[in-house]
Protein backbone atom coordinates (compact mmCIF):
# COMPACT_ATOMS: atom_id res chain seq x y z
CA MET A 1 -126.65 25.42 -39.06
CA VAL A 2 -126.79 28.26 -36.56
CA HIS A 3 -123.92 30.71 -36.48
CA PRO A 4 -122.70 31.47 -32.95
CA ARG A 5 -122.93 35.19 -33.72
CA GLU A 6 -126.70 34.89 -34.17
CA LEU A 7 -127.20 32.76 -31.10
CA PHE A 8 -125.24 34.98 -28.72
CA LYS A 9 -126.37 38.31 -30.18
CA GLU A 10 -129.42 38.81 -27.95
CA ALA A 11 -127.75 37.24 -24.93
CA LEU A 12 -124.88 39.71 -25.22
CA ARG A 13 -127.30 42.60 -25.65
CA ARG A 14 -128.96 41.61 -22.37
CA SER A 15 -125.65 40.92 -20.58
CA ALA A 16 -126.65 37.31 -19.93
CA ALA A 17 -124.31 35.09 -17.95
CA SER A 18 -125.60 31.88 -19.57
CA VAL A 19 -127.84 30.50 -22.32
CA ILE A 20 -129.96 27.45 -23.00
CA CYS A 21 -130.19 26.49 -26.66
CA LEU A 22 -133.37 24.96 -28.02
CA HIS A 23 -134.47 23.78 -31.42
CA ASN A 24 -136.92 21.33 -32.92
CA HIS A 25 -136.62 18.36 -35.23
CA PRO A 26 -139.60 18.44 -37.61
CA SER A 27 -139.20 14.68 -38.08
CA GLY A 28 -140.45 14.26 -34.52
CA ASP A 29 -137.35 12.34 -33.40
CA PRO A 30 -135.52 14.45 -30.79
CA ALA A 31 -132.34 12.34 -30.86
CA PRO A 32 -129.33 14.62 -31.44
CA SER A 33 -127.66 14.33 -34.81
CA HIS A 34 -123.90 14.40 -35.29
CA GLU A 35 -124.28 17.99 -36.48
CA ASP A 36 -126.26 18.91 -33.33
CA ILE A 37 -123.43 17.57 -31.18
CA GLU A 38 -120.73 19.37 -33.18
CA VAL A 39 -122.66 22.67 -33.14
CA THR A 40 -123.12 22.33 -29.38
CA LYS A 41 -119.37 21.86 -28.88
CA ARG A 42 -118.70 24.95 -31.00
CA LEU A 43 -121.26 27.01 -29.08
CA ILE A 44 -119.69 25.95 -25.77
CA GLU A 45 -116.26 27.07 -27.02
CA CYS A 46 -117.65 30.40 -28.21
CA GLY A 47 -119.49 30.86 -24.93
CA HIS A 48 -116.23 30.38 -23.01
CA ILE A 49 -114.59 33.10 -25.09
CA LEU A 50 -117.51 35.45 -24.38
CA GLY A 51 -117.72 34.52 -20.70
CA MET A 52 -121.16 33.01 -21.18
CA GLU A 53 -121.97 29.43 -20.15
CA VAL A 54 -124.07 27.16 -22.35
CA LEU A 55 -126.22 25.40 -19.73
CA ASP A 56 -127.98 22.98 -22.05
CA HIS A 57 -129.02 22.31 -25.63
CA ILE A 58 -132.50 20.87 -25.83
CA ILE A 59 -134.01 19.27 -28.92
CA ILE A 60 -137.75 18.87 -29.09
CA GLY A 61 -139.68 16.44 -31.24
CA ASP A 62 -143.09 14.85 -31.23
CA ARG A 63 -144.07 15.25 -27.54
CA LYS A 64 -140.51 14.25 -26.54
CA PHE A 65 -137.23 16.04 -25.94
CA SER A 66 -133.53 15.33 -25.60
CA SER A 67 -131.14 17.21 -23.36
CA LEU A 68 -127.53 17.19 -24.49
CA LYS A 69 -126.51 17.97 -20.92
CA GLU A 70 -128.33 14.86 -19.62
CA GLN A 71 -126.61 12.84 -22.34
CA GLY A 72 -123.17 14.06 -21.22
CA TYR A 73 -122.30 16.32 -24.16
CA ILE A 74 -122.24 19.40 -21.93
């Protein structure tokens, strides 16, 4: 599980106003897991505190992807 500190570290260094999160599922199935959804919610909360918007969280798989924004989680 990613720690928000690690995710936002470089974005803060560059004074970013927003971020897009991306990770892969080695299984090839890009469907978000329960943990993916919970981590996304936590990252959004942390982003609000930092004044940085999480625009999307994209999961890639075997030539497919899932957008948590398109699925209504963001």
